[in-house]
Amino acid sequence: MRTRFIVGNWKMNKTASEAAAFVRELARQVTDLGGIHVGLTPPFTALQAVRDALGPASPFLLGAQNLYWEDKGAFTGEISGSMLKDLGCRFVLVGHSERRQFFGDQDSWTNKKVLAAIRHGLQPILCVGETLQDRDAGNTDQVIQRQLHAALWGIEPQALGSLTIAYEPVWAIGTGRAASPDQAVPVHRLIRRTLDELSGTDLGHQVRILYGGSVTPTNIADFLFSEEIDGALVGGACLDPACFATLFSVALRSTPSTA
């Protein structure tokens, strides 16, 4: 049984002091996660403050929004996996569409970042997704398969088990226009089949696959109704503690269907 995973991606929001206040308020509102894994990804500048505010016994998992593939060196402005691990990070986002769109992240870079995350004991959350132009042209499957094959090239099958995948259609991110479950579920099934092919095993049934793109407390239950969708990568709805607490309380109550 795959454990549900709700991840809040703060993007470029919250100073260190704002982040600490957010975490304290979230912890006040939520005392039991009910077996759901909940991750927070503050900006790099707020990781220390959030770690300190969470404390060692917190059920919330700390993660980062990106990393560089080298361990150290003359790479101004970059952050290594060892730095994230030292701050207490458990996971890291890799290949987010905003990194691809605004910062030129290529499939080959994503592959190096996945490898670096695994090397440092960080769980990679690999983001894949198509643009609206891709979807309208009927190219969703090809785009998703290309991104998966490129990002996971050269990774040993046993290491692939540490992955989480986030399907985030680019046209749904930050637009308020979420994909429907009827659009998302077939892509999740495609991802599972592709993981089986890449690993030569039934890896697709073991790996958690999240949905990301305009997720809210109102629509998250619709996605989690399917057994194919194991959680959510949440953007704007994770920036308010009451909204985020409501979101994963709805997730806790949602029961998947085998349909």
Protein backbone atom coordinates (compact mmCIF):
# COMPACT_ATOMS: atom_id res chain seq x y z
CA MET A 1 0.00 0.00 0.00
CA ARG A 2 1.46 3.35 -1.06
CA THR A 3 1.36 6.06 1.60
CA ARG A 4 -0.29 9.27 0.52
CA PHE A 5 2.00 12.27 0.18
CA ILE A 6 0.92 15.92 0.19
CA VAL A 7 3.72 18.37 -0.66
CA GLY A 8 3.50 22.13 -0.34
CA ASN A 9 5.72 23.96 -2.83
CA TRP A 10 6.19 27.48 -1.48
CA LYS A 11 8.10 28.65 -4.55
CA MET A 12 9.57 32.15 -4.05
CA ASN A 13 7.38 33.06 -1.08
CA LYS A 14 7.99 33.74 2.62
CA THR A 15 11.00 35.19 4.37
CA ALA A 16 12.68 33.13 7.07
CA SER A 17 10.67 34.82 9.83
CA GLU A 18 7.40 34.45 7.90
CA ALA A 19 8.19 30.79 7.27
CA ALA A 20 8.83 30.10 10.95
CA ALA A 21 5.54 31.78 11.90
CA PHE A 22 3.71 29.75 9.26
CA VAL A 23 5.10 26.45 10.55
CA ARG A 24 4.24 27.27 14.16
CA GLU A 25 0.66 28.09 13.17
CA LEU A 26 0.37 24.97 11.02
CA ALA A 27 1.62 22.81 13.89
CA ARG A 28 -0.92 24.47 16.18
CA GLN A 29 -3.76 23.60 13.81
CA VAL A 30 -2.59 20.07 12.99
CA THR A 31 -1.63 17.61 15.69
CA ASP A 32 -2.16 14.33 13.83
CA LEU A 33 -1.44 13.63 10.17
CA GLY A 34 -3.24 10.31 10.32
CA GLY A 35 -0.58 8.38 8.45
CA ILE A 36 -0.36 10.80 5.53
CA HIS A 37 3.10 12.10 4.69
CA VAL A 38 3.16 15.90 4.47
CA GLY A 39 6.15 17.76 3.06
CA LEU A 40 7.09 21.44 3.08
CA THR A 41 9.50 23.01 0.58
CA PRO A 42 10.46 26.52 1.69
CA PRO A 43 12.90 28.71 -0.24
CA PHE A 44 16.56 27.93 0.47
CA THR A 45 16.82 30.99 2.73
CA ALA A 46 14.07 29.67 5.01
CA LEU A 47 15.12 26.03 5.34
CA GLN A 48 17.03 26.56 8.59
CA ALA A 49 14.23 28.61 10.14
CA VAL A 50 11.62 26.01 9.20
CA ARG A 51 13.76 23.15 10.49
CA ASP A 52 14.19 24.92 13.83
CA ALA A 53 10.48 25.77 14.07
CA LEU A 54 9.45 22.20 13.27
CA GLY A 55 11.76 20.67 15.86
CA PRO A 56 13.12 17.11 15.82
CA ALA A 57 9.81 15.41 16.67
CA SER A 58 7.68 17.05 13.97
CA PRO A 59 5.73 14.74 11.64
CA PHE A 60 6.20 17.22 8.77
CA LEU A 61 8.95 16.43 6.27
CA LEU A 62 11.35 19.13 5.13
CA GLY A 63 12.26 19.35 1.47
CA ALA A 64 13.86 21.69 -1.05
CA GLN A 65 12.73 23.09 -4.38
CA ASN A 66 15.86 22.35 -6.40
CA LEU A 67 19.52 21.28 -6.18
CA TYR A 68 22.67 21.31 -8.28
CA TRP A 69 24.29 18.07 -9.38
CA GLU A 70 27.85 18.82 -8.28
CA ASP A 71 28.82 18.27 -4.63
CA LYS A 72 30.83 21.48 -4.31
CA GLY A 73 32.88 23.95 -6.33
CA ALA A 74 32.79 27.26 -8.20
CA PHE A 75 29.07 27.28 -8.98
CA THR A 76 27.87 30.67 -7.77
CA GLY A 77 24.29 30.68 -6.56
CA GLU A 78 23.85 26.91 -6.52
CA ILE A 79 23.00 24.51 -3.67
CA SER A 80 24.30 20.95 -3.39
CA GLY A 81 22.62 17.82 -2.13
CA SER A 82 25.01 17.61 0.83
CA MET A 83 24.01 21.12 1.90
CA LEU A 84 20.34 20.17 1.80
CA LYS A 85 20.95 16.93 3.67
CA ASP A 86 22.87 18.78 6.37
CA LEU A 87 19.88 21.09 6.88
CA GLY A 88 17.61 18.13 7.48
CA CYS A 89 15.94 17.88 4.07
CA ARG A 90 14.37 14.53 3.28
CA PHE A 91 13.34 15.14 -0.31
CA VAL A 92 13.88 17.55 -3.20
CA LEU A 93 11.85 18.65 -6.21
CA VAL A 94 13.56 17.97 -9.54
CA GLY A 95 12.50 19.11 -12.99
CA HIS A 96 9.67 21.42 -11.95
CA SER A 97 8.12 23.04 -15.02
CA GLU A 98 9.06 26.51 -13.79
CA ARG A 99 12.70 25.44 -13.67
CA ARG A 100 12.36 24.15 -17.22
CA GLN A 101 10.44 27.19 -18.47
CA PHE A 102 12.20 30.11 -16.77
CA PHE A 103 15.69 28.79 -16.06
CA GLY A 104 16.38 26.57 -19.04
CA ASP A 105 16.58 23.26 -17.17
CA GLN A 106 17.06 20.55 -19.77
CA ASP A 107 16.18 16.86 -19.56
CA SER A 108 19.88 16.00 -19.21
CA TRP A 109 20.20 18.39 -16.25
CA THR A 110 17.16 16.81 -14.63
CA ASN A 111 18.83 13.42 -14.96
CA LYS A 112 21.97 14.70 -13.23
CA LYS A 113 19.88 16.20 -10.44
CA VAL A 114 17.97 12.95 -9.87
CA LEU A 115 21.27 11.10 -9.64
CA ALA A 116 22.67 13.69 -7.22
CA ALA A 117 19.61 13.49 -5.00
CA ILE A 118 19.83 9.71 -4.79
CA ARG A 119 23.57 9.90 -4.11
CA HIS A 120 22.97 12.14 -1.10
CA GLY A 121 20.07 10.13 0.32
CA LEU A 122 17.40 12.61 -0.71
CA GLN A 123 14.13 11.37 -2.18
CA PRO A 124 13.71 12.95 -5.62
CA ILE A 125 10.24 14.14 -6.54
CA LEU A 126 10.54 14.13 -10.32
CA CYS A 127 8.13 16.52 -12.03
CA VAL A 128 6.85 15.78 -15.51
CA GLY A 129 4.12 17.40 -17.57
CA GLU A 130 2.99 18.65 -20.94
CA THR A 131 2.14 22.15 -22.17
CA LEU A 132 -1.31 23.05 -23.46
CA GLN A 133 0.12 23.05 -26.98
CA ASP A 134 1.40 19.49 -26.44
CA ARG A 135 -1.99 18.33 -25.15
CA ASP A 136 -3.98 19.99 -27.92
CA ALA A 137 -1.66 18.37 -30.48
CA GLY A 138 -2.23 14.94 -28.93
CA ASN A 139 1.40 14.66 -27.82
CA THR A 140 0.92 14.23 -24.06
CA ASP A 141 2.05 10.59 -23.99
CA GLN A 142 5.17 11.25 -26.05
CA VAL A 143 6.20 14.21 -23.88
CA ILE A 144 5.72 12.32 -20.62
CA GLN A 145 7.60 9.26 -21.87
CA ARG A 146 10.47 11.39 -23.20
CA GLN A 147 10.81 13.23 -19.90
CA LEU A 148 10.78 10.00 -17.90
CA HIS A 149 13.27 8.18 -20.12
CA ALA A 150 15.64 11.16 -20.11
CA ALA A 151 15.41 11.93 -16.40
CA LEU A 152 15.87 8.31 -15.31
CA TRP A 153 18.58 7.31 -17.79
CA GLY A 154 21.39 5.32 -16.20
CA ILE A 155 19.68 4.89 -12.83
CA GLU A 156 19.82 1.39 -11.41
CA PRO A 157 16.39 -0.30 -11.06
CA GLN A 158 16.81 -0.67 -7.29
CA ALA A 159 17.46 3.07 -6.95
CA LEU A 160 14.30 3.91 -8.85
CA GLY A 161 12.31 2.70 -5.85
CA SER A 162 13.25 5.87 -3.96
CA LEU A 163 11.43 8.04 -6.49
CA THR A 164 8.20 9.94 -6.24
CA ILE A 165 6.77 11.27 -9.51
CA ALA A 166 4.64 14.40 -9.75
CA TYR A 167 2.49 14.78 -12.85
CA GLU A 168 1.96 18.51 -13.29
CA PRO A 169 0.40 19.58 -16.57
CA VAL A 170 2.05 22.92 -17.32
CA TRP A 171 -1.25 24.44 -18.42
CA ALA A 172 -2.74 23.83 -14.97
CA ILE A 173 0.03 25.30 -12.82
CA GLY A 174 -0.92 28.57 -11.16
CA THR A 175 -3.76 29.11 -13.63
CA GLY A 176 -6.68 28.02 -11.48
CA ARG A 177 -7.50 25.52 -14.22
CA ALA A 178 -6.85 22.10 -12.75
CA ALA A 179 -6.84 19.03 -14.93
CA SER A 180 -9.88 16.85 -14.44
CA PRO A 181 -9.41 13.39 -12.94
CA ASP A 182 -10.43 12.00 -16.34
CA GLN A 183 -7.42 13.84 -17.82
CA ALA A 184 -4.98 13.06 -15.00
CA VAL A 185 -5.66 9.38 -14.32
CA PRO A 186 -4.68 8.09 -17.81
CA VAL A 187 -1.36 9.95 -17.52
CA HIS A 188 -0.71 8.40 -14.12
CA ARG A 189 -1.35 4.97 -15.64
CA LEU A 190 1.03 5.79 -18.49
CA ILE A 191 3.71 6.78 -15.98
CA ARG A 192 3.30 3.49 -14.12
CA ARG A 193 3.59 1.49 -17.35
CA THR A 194 6.67 3.45 -18.36
CA LEU A 195 8.31 2.83 -14.98
CA ASP A 196 7.63 -0.90 -15.41
CA GLU A 197 9.33 -0.81 -18.81
CA LEU A 198 12.34 1.14 -17.54
CA SER A 199 12.90 -1.10 -14.52
CA GLY A 200 11.89 -4.45 -15.95
CA THR A 201 9.82 -4.95 -12.79
CA ASP A 202 6.43 -3.91 -11.41
CA LEU A 203 7.98 -0.67 -10.13
CA GLY A 204 5.04 1.33 -11.42
CA HIS A 205 2.81 -0.15 -8.74
CA GLN A 206 5.30 0.74 -6.00
CA VAL A 207 6.18 4.35 -6.81
CA ARG A 208 4.02 7.17 -5.53
CA ILE A 209 2.66 9.46 -8.22
CA LEU A 210 1.24 12.83 -7.22
CA TYR A 211 -0.91 15.27 -9.15
CA GLY A 212 0.10 18.93 -9.26
CA GLY A 213 -1.64 21.91 -10.85
CA SER A 214 -4.14 24.25 -9.17
CA VAL A 215 -4.91 21.80 -6.35
CA THR A 216 -7.28 23.21 -3.72
CA PRO A 217 -9.24 21.88 -0.72
CA THR A 218 -12.27 21.89 -3.02
CA ASN A 219 -10.89 19.61 -5.73
CA ILE A 220 -8.27 17.40 -4.04
CA ALA A 221 -10.80 14.72 -3.08
CA ASP A 222 -11.74 14.32 -6.75
CA PHE A 223 -8.15 13.37 -7.57
CA LEU A 224 -7.61 11.13 -4.56
CA PHE A 225 -10.78 9.21 -5.37
CA SER A 226 -8.66 7.28 -7.88
CA GLU A 227 -6.23 4.67 -6.58
CA GLU A 228 -3.81 5.81 -9.31
CA ILE A 229 -3.20 9.19 -7.63
CA ASP A 230 -1.24 9.03 -4.37
CA GLY A 231 -1.24 12.66 -3.32
CA ALA A 232 -0.66 16.19 -4.51
CA LEU A 233 2.03 18.74 -5.20
CA VAL A 234 0.34 21.93 -4.02
CA GLY A 235 1.25 25.49 -4.97
CA GLY A 236 -0.81 28.53 -4.00
CA ALA A 237 -3.14 26.63 -1.67
CA CYS A 238 -0.22 25.69 0.61
CA LEU A 239 0.76 29.27 1.49
CA ASP A 240 -2.00 29.79 4.06
CA PRO A 241 -1.80 27.46 7.08
CA ALA A 242 -5.56 27.12 7.48
CA CYS A 243 -6.05 26.35 3.78
CA PHE A 244 -3.22 23.82 3.76
CA ALA A 245 -4.47 22.15 6.94
CA THR A 246 -7.92 21.85 5.41
CA LEU A 247 -6.46 20.39 2.25
CA PHE A 248 -4.75 17.45 3.85
CA SER A 249 -7.60 16.86 6.28
CA VAL A 250 -9.77 16.36 3.18
CA ALA A 251 -7.07 14.05 1.83
CA LEU A 252 -7.20 12.04 5.04
CA ARG A 253 -10.92 11.46 4.64
CA SER A 254 -10.82 10.65 0.92
CA THR A 255 -11.11 6.98 -0.01
CA PRO A 256 -9.64 5.79 -3.32
CA SER A 257 -11.69 3.88 -5.83
CA THR A 258 -10.45 1.08 -8.07
CA ALA A 259 -12.29 2.61 -11.01
